Amino acid sequence: MELHQRGVDLLVNVLDAVDRIDQLTSAETRVLLQEVAEVMSLILERDARIALRMERRYATREQVARETKQVGPPRKNSLARQKTSGGS
């Protein structure tokens, strides 16, 4: 949640800077752009970790589905078949 709030605060600062772009010094612009780069990097890093986790989860489910299909549907209880067919 800290990163989200940092992003919100940064967006407010960027929108403010847009309104007064002619009044910003080159140092203020540099600091603002450095903050944009840092926050965006952190957000992208976080999102990449989430996407990778989801991809692994999806791949695992897909793998289980493939393995289940290879094994086939569950068999009926063989004991129940013996009783109904009059087997031993």
PDB file of N, CA and C in Angstrom:
ATOM      1  N   MET A   1       0.822  -1.191   0.000  1.00  0.00           N
ATOM      2  CA  MET A   1       0.000   0.000   0.000  1.00  0.00           C
ATOM      3  C   MET A   1       0.870   1.260   0.000  1.00  0.00           C
ATOM      4  N   GLU A   2       2.069   1.170   0.569  1.00  0.00           N
ATOM      5  CA  GLU A   2       2.969   2.325   0.578  1.00  0.00           C
ATOM      6  C   GLU A   2       3.324   2.746  -0.840  1.00  0.00           C
ATOM      7  N   LEU A   3       3.589   1.762  -1.683  1.00  0.00           N
ATOM      8  CA  LEU A   3       3.956   2.061  -3.064  1.00  0.00           C
ATOM      9  C   LEU A   3       2.795   2.731  -3.796  1.00  0.00           C
ATOM     10  N   HIS A   4       1.594   2.250  -3.544  1.00  0.00           N
ATOM     11  CA  HIS A   4       0.414   2.860  -4.165  1.00  0.00           C
ATOM     12  C   HIS A   4       0.298   4.326  -3.756  1.00  0.00           C
ATOM     13  N   GLN A   5       0.444   4.602  -2.479  1.00  0.00           N
ATOM     14  CA  GLN A   5       0.336   5.980  -2.000  1.00  0.00           C
ATOM     15  C   GLN A   5       1.453   6.843  -2.554  1.00  0.00           C
ATOM     16  N   ARG A   6       2.624   6.266  -2.656  1.00  0.00           N
ATOM     17  CA  ARG A   6       3.747   7.007  -3.233  1.00  0.00           C
ATOM     18  C   ARG A   6       3.447   7.355  -4.688  1.00  0.00           C
ATOM     19  N   GLY A   7       2.850   6.429  -5.408  1.00  0.00           N
ATOM     20  CA  GLY A   7       2.460   6.684  -6.792  1.00  0.00           C
ATOM     21  C   GLY A   7       1.397   7.762  -6.906  1.00  0.00           C
ATOM     22  N   VAL A   8       0.431   7.733  -6.004  1.00  0.00           N
ATOM     23  CA  VAL A   8      -0.624   8.756  -5.998  1.00  0.00           C
ATOM     24  C   VAL A   8      -0.018  10.133  -5.731  1.00  0.00           C
ATOM     25  N   ASP A   9       0.850  10.205  -4.729  1.00  0.00           N
ATOM     26  CA  ASP A   9       1.496  11.480  -4.408  1.00  0.00           C
ATOM     27  C   ASP A   9       2.328  11.989  -5.592  1.00  0.00           C
ATOM     28  N   LEU A  10       3.023  11.088  -6.228  1.00  0.00           N
ATOM     29  CA  LEU A  10       3.839  11.458  -7.375  1.00  0.00           C
ATOM     30  C   LEU A  10       2.964  11.977  -8.518  1.00  0.00           C
ATOM     31  N   LEU A  11       1.854  11.308  -8.765  1.00  0.00           N
ATOM     32  CA  LEU A  11       0.947  11.766  -9.823  1.00  0.00           C
ATOM     33  C   LEU A  11       0.446  13.178  -9.546  1.00  0.00           C
ATOM     34  N   VAL A  12       0.111  13.461  -8.301  1.00  0.00           N
ATOM     35  CA  VAL A  12      -0.320  14.813  -7.932  1.00  0.00           C
ATOM     36  C   VAL A  12       0.800  15.810  -8.214  1.00  0.00           C
ATOM     37  N   ASN A  13       2.034  15.444  -7.874  1.00  0.00           N
ATOM     38  CA  ASN A  13       3.177  16.333  -8.130  1.00  0.00           C
ATOM     39  C   ASN A  13       3.402  16.552  -9.625  1.00  0.00           C
ATOM     40  N   VAL A  14       3.261  15.502 -10.408  1.00  0.00           N
ATOM     41  CA  VAL A  14       3.436  15.626 -11.861  1.00  0.00           C
ATOM     42  C   VAL A  14       2.344  16.515 -12.453  1.00  0.00           C
ATOM     43  N   LEU A  15       1.113  16.306 -12.027  1.00  0.00           N
ATOM     44  CA  LEU A  15       0.017  17.142 -12.538  1.00  0.00           C
ATOM     45  C   LEU A  15       0.220  18.608 -12.155  1.00  0.00           C
ATOM     46  N   ASP A  16       0.719  18.829 -10.955  1.00  0.00           N
ATOM     47  CA  ASP A  16       1.034  20.190 -10.524  1.00  0.00           C
ATOM     48  C   ASP A  16       2.151  20.777 -11.380  1.00  0.00           C
ATOM     49  N   ALA A  17       3.161  19.967 -11.668  1.00  0.00           N
ATOM     50  CA  ALA A  17       4.291  20.429 -12.481  1.00  0.00           C
ATOM     51  C   ALA A  17       3.847  20.786 -13.890  1.00  0.00           C
ATOM     52  N   VAL A  18       2.897  20.027 -14.425  1.00  0.00           N
ATOM     53  CA  VAL A  18       2.386  20.322 -15.772  1.00  0.00           C
ATOM     54  C   VAL A  18       1.770  21.720 -15.799  1.00  0.00           C
ATOM     55  N   ASP A  19       1.073  22.076 -14.740  1.00  0.00           N
ATOM     56  CA  ASP A  19       0.425  23.391 -14.677  1.00  0.00           C
ATOM     57  C   ASP A  19       1.418  24.538 -14.538  1.00  0.00           C
ATOM     58  N   ARG A  20       2.615  24.259 -14.058  1.00  0.00           N
ATOM     59  CA  ARG A  20       3.597  25.332 -13.863  1.00  0.00           C
ATOM     60  C   ARG A  20       4.958  24.967 -14.454  1.00  0.00           C
ATOM     61  N   ILE A  21       4.932  24.312 -15.592  1.00  0.00           N
ATOM     62  CA  ILE A  21       6.154  23.815 -16.225  1.00  0.00           C
ATOM     63  C   ILE A  21       7.176  24.923 -16.466  1.00  0.00           C
ATOM     64  N   ASP A  22       6.703  26.121 -16.810  1.00  0.00           N
ATOM     65  CA  ASP A  22       7.620  27.229 -17.090  1.00  0.00           C
ATOM     66  C   ASP A  22       8.316  27.749 -15.836  1.00  0.00           C
ATOM     67  N   GLN A  23       7.770  27.455 -14.680  1.00  0.00           N
ATOM     68  CA  GLN A  23       8.333  27.950 -13.435  1.00  0.00           C
ATOM     69  C   GLN A  23       9.307  26.969 -12.782  1.00  0.00           C
ATOM     70  N   LEU A  24       9.357  25.732 -13.278  1.00  0.00           N
ATOM     71  CA  LEU A  24      10.246  24.731 -12.677  1.00  0.00           C
ATOM     72  C   LEU A  24      11.694  24.971 -13.078  1.00  0.00           C
ATOM     73  N   THR A  25      12.567  24.830 -12.106  1.00  0.00           N
ATOM     74  CA  THR A  25      13.993  24.906 -12.428  1.00  0.00           C
ATOM     75  C   THR A  25      14.418  23.549 -13.003  1.00  0.00           C
ATOM     76  N   SER A  26      15.564  23.524 -13.609  1.00  0.00           N
ATOM     77  CA  SER A  26      16.052  22.256 -14.159  1.00  0.00           C
ATOM     78  C   SER A  26      16.310  21.255 -13.028  1.00  0.00           C
ATOM     79  N   ALA A  27      16.718  21.733 -11.871  1.00  0.00           N
ATOM     80  CA  ALA A  27      16.942  20.844 -10.718  1.00  0.00           C
ATOM     81  C   ALA A  27      15.625  20.232 -10.246  1.00  0.00           C
ATOM     82  N   GLU A  28      14.554  21.036 -10.174  1.00  0.00           N
ATOM     83  CA  GLU A  28      13.244  20.527  -9.768  1.00  0.00           C
ATOM     84  C   GLU A  28      12.725  19.500 -10.782  1.00  0.00           C
ATOM     85  N   THR A  29      12.932  19.781 -12.054  1.00  0.00           N
ATOM     86  CA  THR A  29      12.506  18.859 -13.101  1.00  0.00           C
ATOM     87  C   THR A  29      13.273  17.545 -12.990  1.00  0.00           C
ATOM     88  N   ARG A  30      14.563  17.644 -12.754  1.00  0.00           N
ATOM     89  CA  ARG A  30      15.403  16.454 -12.616  1.00  0.00           C
ATOM     90  C   ARG A  30      14.947  15.599 -11.437  1.00  0.00           C
ATOM     91  N   VAL A  31      14.698  16.232 -10.290  1.00  0.00           N
ATOM     92  CA  VAL A  31      14.248  15.507  -9.092  1.00  0.00           C
ATOM     93  C   VAL A  31      12.907  14.831  -9.357  1.00  0.00           C
ATOM     94  N   LEU A  32      12.008  15.539 -10.003  1.00  0.00           N
ATOM     95  CA  LEU A  32      10.688  14.976 -10.308  1.00  0.00           C
ATOM     96  C   LEU A  32      10.813  13.779 -11.248  1.00  0.00           C
ATOM     97  N   LEU A  33      11.635  13.907 -12.276  1.00  0.00           N
ATOM     98  CA  LEU A  33      11.817  12.801 -13.220  1.00  0.00           C
ATOM     99  C   LEU A  33      12.514  11.611 -12.569  1.00  0.00           C
ATOM    100  N   GLN A  34      13.442  11.871 -11.655  1.00  0.00           N
ATOM    101  CA  GLN A  34      14.085  10.768 -10.937  1.00  0.00           C
ATOM    102  C   GLN A  34      13.072  10.020 -10.077  1.00  0.00           C
ATOM    103  N   GLU A  35      12.187  10.758  -9.447  1.00  0.00           N
ATOM    104  CA  GLU A  35      11.137  10.130  -8.627  1.00  0.00           C
ATOM    105  C   GLU A  35      10.181   9.328  -9.509  1.00  0.00           C
ATOM    106  N   VAL A  36       9.832   9.861 -10.664  1.00  0.00           N
ATOM    107  CA  VAL A  36       8.976   9.127 -11.608  1.00  0.00           C
ATOM    108  C   VAL A  36       9.656   7.819 -12.006  1.00  0.00           C
ATOM    109  N   ALA A  37      10.924   7.885 -12.352  1.00  0.00           N
ATOM    110  CA  ALA A  37      11.658   6.692 -12.766  1.00  0.00           C
ATOM    111  C   ALA A  37      11.712   5.658 -11.642  1.00  0.00           C
ATOM    112  N   GLU A  38      11.969   6.091 -10.425  1.00  0.00           N
ATOM    113  CA  GLU A  38      12.074   5.163  -9.301  1.00  0.00           C
ATOM    114  C   GLU A  38      10.734   4.496  -8.995  1.00  0.00           C
ATOM    115  N   VAL A  39       9.674   5.300  -8.917  1.00  0.00           N
ATOM    116  CA  VAL A  39       8.357   4.753  -8.579  1.00  0.00           C
ATOM    117  C   VAL A  39       7.862   3.826  -9.690  1.00  0.00           C
ATOM    118  N   MET A  40       8.047   4.233 -10.935  1.00  0.00           N
ATOM    119  CA  MET A  40       7.616   3.376 -12.044  1.00  0.00           C
ATOM    120  C   MET A  40       8.401   2.063 -12.047  1.00  0.00           C
ATOM    121  N   SER A  41       9.682   2.113 -11.757  1.00  0.00           N
ATOM    122  CA  SER A  41      10.493   0.897 -11.696  1.00  0.00           C
ATOM    123  C   SER A  41       9.980  -0.050 -10.615  1.00  0.00           C
ATOM    124  N   LEU A  42       9.660   0.503  -9.464  1.00  0.00           N
ATOM    125  CA  LEU A  42       9.145  -0.318  -8.367  1.00  0.00           C
ATOM    126  C   LEU A  42       7.796  -0.930  -8.719  1.00  0.00           C
ATOM    127  N   ILE A  43       6.939  -0.148  -9.350  1.00  0.00           N
ATOM    128  CA  ILE A  43       5.620  -0.660  -9.743  1.00  0.00           C
ATOM    129  C   ILE A  43       5.765  -1.770 -10.775  1.00  0.00           C
ATOM    130  N   LEU A  44       6.621  -1.562 -11.771  1.00  0.00           N
ATOM    131  CA  LEU A  44       6.827  -2.583 -12.798  1.00  0.00           C
ATOM    132  C   LEU A  44       7.449  -3.848 -12.205  1.00  0.00           C
ATOM    133  N   GLU A  45       8.373  -3.689 -11.285  1.00  0.00           N
ATOM    134  CA  GLU A  45       8.990  -4.844 -10.630  1.00  0.00           C
ATOM    135  C   GLU A  45       7.942  -5.637  -9.858  1.00  0.00           C
ATOM    136  N   ARG A  46       7.108  -4.925  -9.119  1.00  0.00           N
ATOM    137  CA  ARG A  46       6.039  -5.583  -8.356  1.00  0.00           C
ATOM    138  C   ARG A  46       5.084  -6.314  -9.286  1.00  0.00           C
ATOM    139  N   ASP A  47       4.672  -5.650 -10.366  1.00  0.00           N
ATOM    140  CA  ASP A  47       3.734  -6.266 -11.305  1.00  0.00           C
ATOM    141  C   ASP A  47       4.348  -7.468 -12.011  1.00  0.00           C
ATOM    142  N   ALA A  48       5.632  -7.412 -12.285  1.00  0.00           N
ATOM    143  CA  ALA A  48       6.306  -8.551 -12.928  1.00  0.00           C
ATOM    144  C   ALA A  48       6.316  -9.753 -11.991  1.00  0.00           C
ATOM    145  N   ARG A  49       6.573  -9.519 -10.705  1.00  0.00           N
ATOM    146  CA  ARG A  49       6.544 -10.626  -9.742  1.00  0.00           C
ATOM    147  C   ARG A  49       5.156 -11.240  -9.661  1.00  0.00           C
ATOM    148  N   ILE A  50       4.126 -10.406  -9.645  1.00  0.00           N
ATOM    149  CA  ILE A  50       2.748 -10.900  -9.587  1.00  0.00           C
ATOM    150  C   ILE A  50       2.424 -11.696 -10.842  1.00  0.00           C
ATOM    151  N   ALA A  51       2.804 -11.175 -11.999  1.00  0.00           N
ATOM    152  CA  ALA A  51       2.527 -11.864 -13.261  1.00  0.00           C
ATOM    153  C   ALA A  51       3.242 -13.210 -13.314  1.00  0.00           C
ATOM    154  N   LEU A  52       4.470 -13.262 -12.850  1.00  0.00           N
ATOM    155  CA  LEU A  52       5.220 -14.511 -12.845  1.00  0.00           C
ATOM    156  C   LEU A  52       4.559 -15.528 -11.926  1.00  0.00           C
ATOM    157  N   ARG A  53       4.126 -15.070 -10.765  1.00  0.00           N
ATOM    158  CA  ARG A  53       3.437 -15.956  -9.829  1.00  0.00           C
ATOM    159  C   ARG A  53       2.164 -16.518 -10.454  1.00  0.00           C
ATOM    160  N   MET A  54       1.396 -15.657 -11.122  1.00  0.00           N
ATOM    161  CA  MET A  54       0.158 -16.102 -11.766  1.00  0.00           C
ATOM    162  C   MET A  54       0.458 -17.066 -12.906  1.00  0.00           C
ATOM    163  N   GLU A  55       1.509 -16.789 -13.647  1.00  0.00           N
ATOM    164  CA  GLU A  55       1.892 -17.661 -14.757  1.00  0.00           C
ATOM    165  C   GLU A  55       2.269 -19.043 -14.242  1.00  0.00           C
ATOM    166  N   ARG A  56       3.016 -19.088 -13.160  1.00  0.00           N
ATOM    167  CA  ARG A  56       3.392 -20.383 -12.567  1.00  0.00           C
ATOM    168  C   ARG A  56       2.157 -21.127 -12.083  1.00  0.00           C
ATOM    169  N   ARG A  57       1.235 -20.405 -11.459  1.00  0.00           N
ATOM    170  CA  ARG A  57       0.016 -21.030 -10.961  1.00  0.00           C
ATOM    171  C   ARG A  57      -0.786 -21.591 -12.124  1.00  0.00           C
ATOM    172  N   TYR A  58      -0.904 -20.818 -13.209  1.00  0.00           N
ATOM    173  CA  TYR A  58      -1.651 -21.257 -14.378  1.00  0.00           C
ATOM    174  C   TYR A  58      -0.966 -22.458 -15.012  1.00  0.00           C
ATOM    175  N   ALA A  59       0.353 -22.415 -15.120  1.00  0.00           N
ATOM    176  CA  ALA A  59       1.092 -23.527 -15.720  1.00  0.00           C
ATOM    177  C   ALA A  59       0.899 -24.783 -14.889  1.00  0.00           C
ATOM    178  N   THR A  60       0.887 -24.669 -13.575  1.00  0.00           N
ATOM    179  CA  THR A  60       0.691 -25.823 -12.711  1.00  0.00           C
ATOM    180  C   THR A  60      -0.695 -26.407 -12.923  1.00  0.00           C
ATOM    181  N   ARG A  61      -1.718 -25.579 -13.005  1.00  0.00           N
ATOM    182  CA  ARG A  61      -3.074 -26.064 -13.243  1.00  0.00           C
ATOM    183  C   ARG A  61      -3.175 -26.741 -14.600  1.00  0.00           C
ATOM    184  N   GLU A  62      -2.539 -26.138 -15.586  1.00  0.00           N
ATOM    185  CA  GLU A  62      -2.563 -26.710 -16.931  1.00  0.00           C
ATOM    186  C   GLU A  62      -1.856 -28.058 -16.936  1.00  0.00           C
ATOM    187  N   GLN A  63      -0.754 -28.160 -16.228  1.00  0.00           N
ATOM    188  CA  GLN A  63      -0.003 -29.406 -16.158  1.00  0.00           C
ATOM    189  C   GLN A  63      -0.841 -30.485 -15.468  1.00  0.00           C
ATOM    190  N   VAL A  64      -1.511 -30.132 -14.401  1.00  0.00           N
ATOM    191  CA  VAL A  64      -2.367 -31.085 -13.690  1.00  0.00           C
ATOM    192  C   VAL A  64      -3.484 -31.553 -14.609  1.00  0.00           C
ATOM    193  N   ALA A  65      -4.060 -30.625 -15.372  1.00  0.00           N
ATOM    194  CA  ALA A  65      -5.129 -30.997 -16.295  1.00  0.00           C
ATOM    195  C   ALA A  65      -4.616 -31.970 -17.349  1.00  0.00           C
ATOM    196  N   ARG A  66      -3.427 -31.717 -17.881  1.00  0.00           N
ATOM    197  CA  ARG A  66      -2.851 -32.630 -18.873  1.00  0.00           C
ATOM    198  C   ARG A  66      -2.590 -33.998 -18.267  1.00  0.00           C
ATOM    199  N   GLU A  67      -2.021 -34.018 -17.075  1.00  0.00           N
ATOM    200  CA  GLU A  67      -1.723 -35.293 -16.425  1.00  0.00           C
ATOM    201  C   GLU A  67      -2.999 -36.057 -16.120  1.00  0.00           C
ATOM    202  N   THR A  68      -4.044 -35.353 -15.728  1.00  0.00           N
ATOM    203  CA  THR A  68      -5.322 -35.994 -15.436  1.00  0.00           C
ATOM    204  C   THR A  68      -5.891 -36.614 -16.696  1.00  0.00           C
ATOM    205  N   LYS A  69      -5.789 -35.923 -17.811  1.00  0.00           N
ATOM    206  CA  LYS A  69      -6.288 -36.459 -19.076  1.00  0.00           C
ATOM    207  C   LYS A  69      -5.495 -37.690 -19.484  1.00  0.00           C
ATOM    208  N   GLN A  70      -4.204 -37.705 -19.220  1.00  0.00           N
ATOM    209  CA  GLN A  70      -3.378 -38.855 -19.586  1.00  0.00           C
ATOM    210  C   GLN A  70      -3.751 -40.077 -18.757  1.00  0.00           C
ATOM    211  N   VAL A  71      -4.072 -39.862 -17.507  1.00  0.00           N
ATOM    212  CA  VAL A  71      -4.424 -40.964 -16.635  1.00  0.00           C
ATOM    213  C   VAL A  71      -5.824 -41.451 -16.963  1.00  0.00           C
ATOM    214  N   GLY A  72      -6.691 -40.575 -17.375  1.00  0.00           N
ATOM    215  CA  GLY A  72      -8.056 -40.936 -17.715  1.00  0.00           C
ATOM    216  C   GLY A  72      -8.995 -40.688 -16.557  1.00  0.00           C
ATOM    217  N   PRO A  73     -10.277 -40.913 -16.788  1.00  0.00           N
ATOM    218  CA  PRO A  73     -11.259 -40.653 -15.736  1.00  0.00           C
ATOM    219  C   PRO A  73     -11.102 -41.663 -14.603  1.00  0.00           C
ATOM    220  N   PRO A  74     -11.546 -41.308 -13.420  1.00  0.00           N
ATOM    221  CA  PRO A  74     -11.426 -42.241 -12.298  1.00  0.00           C
ATOM    222  C   PRO A  74     -12.257 -43.497 -12.564  1.00  0.00           C
ATOM    223  N   ARG A  75     -11.725 -44.636 -12.185  1.00  0.00           N
ATOM    224  CA  ARG A  75     -12.432 -45.907 -12.378  1.00  0.00           C
ATOM    225  C   ARG A  75     -13.432 -46.112 -11.268  1.00  0.00           C
ATOM    226  N   LYS A  76     -14.476 -46.852 -11.604  1.00  0.00           N
ATOM    227  CA  LYS A  76     -15.447 -47.196 -10.573  1.00  0.00           C
ATOM    228  C   LYS A  76     -14.815 -48.202  -9.634  1.00  0.00           C
ATOM    229  N   ASN A  77     -15.348 -48.269  -8.461  1.00  0.00           N
ATOM    230  CA  ASN A  77     -14.832 -49.176  -7.443  1.00  0.00           C
ATOM    231  C   ASN A  77     -14.936 -50.610  -7.945  1.00  0.00           C
ATOM    232  N   SER A  78     -13.819 -51.304  -8.017  1.00  0.00           N
ATOM    233  CA  SER A  78     -13.814 -52.671  -8.539  1.00  0.00           C
ATOM    234  C   SER A  78     -14.596 -53.613  -7.634  1.00  0.00           C
ATOM    235  N   LEU A  79     -14.636 -53.341  -6.339  1.00  0.00           N
ATOM    236  CA  LEU A  79     -15.397 -54.167  -5.417  1.00  0.00           C
ATOM    237  C   LEU A  79     -16.881 -54.056  -5.723  1.00  0.00           C
ATOM    238  N   ALA A  80     -17.340 -52.856  -6.031  1.00  0.00           N
ATOM    239  CA  ALA A  80     -18.744 -52.660  -6.375  1.00  0.00           C
ATOM    240  C   ALA A  80     -19.091 -53.415  -7.649  1.00  0.00           C
ATOM    241  N   ARG A  81     -18.194 -53.476  -8.620  1.00  0.00           N
ATOM    242  CA  ARG A  81     -18.435 -54.216  -9.857  1.00  0.00           C
ATOM    243  C   ARG A  81     -18.533 -55.710  -9.579  1.00  0.00           C
ATOM    244  N   GLN A  82     -17.692 -56.208  -8.687  1.00  0.00           N
ATOM    245  CA  GLN A  82     -17.718 -57.630  -8.374  1.00  0.00           C
ATOM    246  C   GLN A  82     -19.054 -58.026  -7.750  1.00  0.00           C
ATOM    247  N   LYS A  83     -19.592 -57.179  -6.878  1.00  0.00           N
ATOM    248  CA  LYS A  83     -20.861 -57.474  -6.220  1.00  0.00           C
ATOM    249  C   LYS A  83     -22.002 -57.493  -7.224  1.00  0.00           C
ATOM    250  N   THR A  84     -22.028 -56.529  -8.152  1.00  0.00           N
ATOM    251  CA  THR A  84     -23.126 -56.449  -9.108  1.00  0.00           C
ATOM    252  C   THR A  84     -23.019 -57.513 -10.179  1.00  0.00           C
ATOM    253  N   SER A  85     -21.814 -57.977 -10.515  1.00  0.00           N
ATOM    254  CA  SER A  85     -21.664 -58.986 -11.544  1.00  0.00           C
ATOM    255  C   SER A  85     -21.651 -60.392 -10.963  1.00  0.00           C
ATOM    256  N   GLY A  86     -21.729 -60.463  -9.672  1.00  0.00           N
ATOM    257  CA  GLY A  86     -21.740 -61.768  -9.010  1.00  0.00           C
ATOM    258  C   GLY A  86     -20.384 -62.385  -8.930  1.00  0.00           C
ATOM    259  N   GLY A  87     -19.364 -61.605  -9.012  1.00  0.00           N
ATOM    260  CA  GLY A  87     -17.983 -62.100  -8.940  1.00  0.00           C
ATOM    261  C   GLY A  87     -17.628 -62.565  -7.558  1.00  0.00           C
ATOM    262  N   SER A  88     -16.416 -63.027  -7.369  1.00  0.00           N
ATOM    263  CA  SER A  88     -15.962 -63.585  -6.105  1.00  0.00           C
ATOM    264  C   SER A  88     -15.996 -62.583  -5.067  1.00  0.00           C
TER     265      SER A  88
END
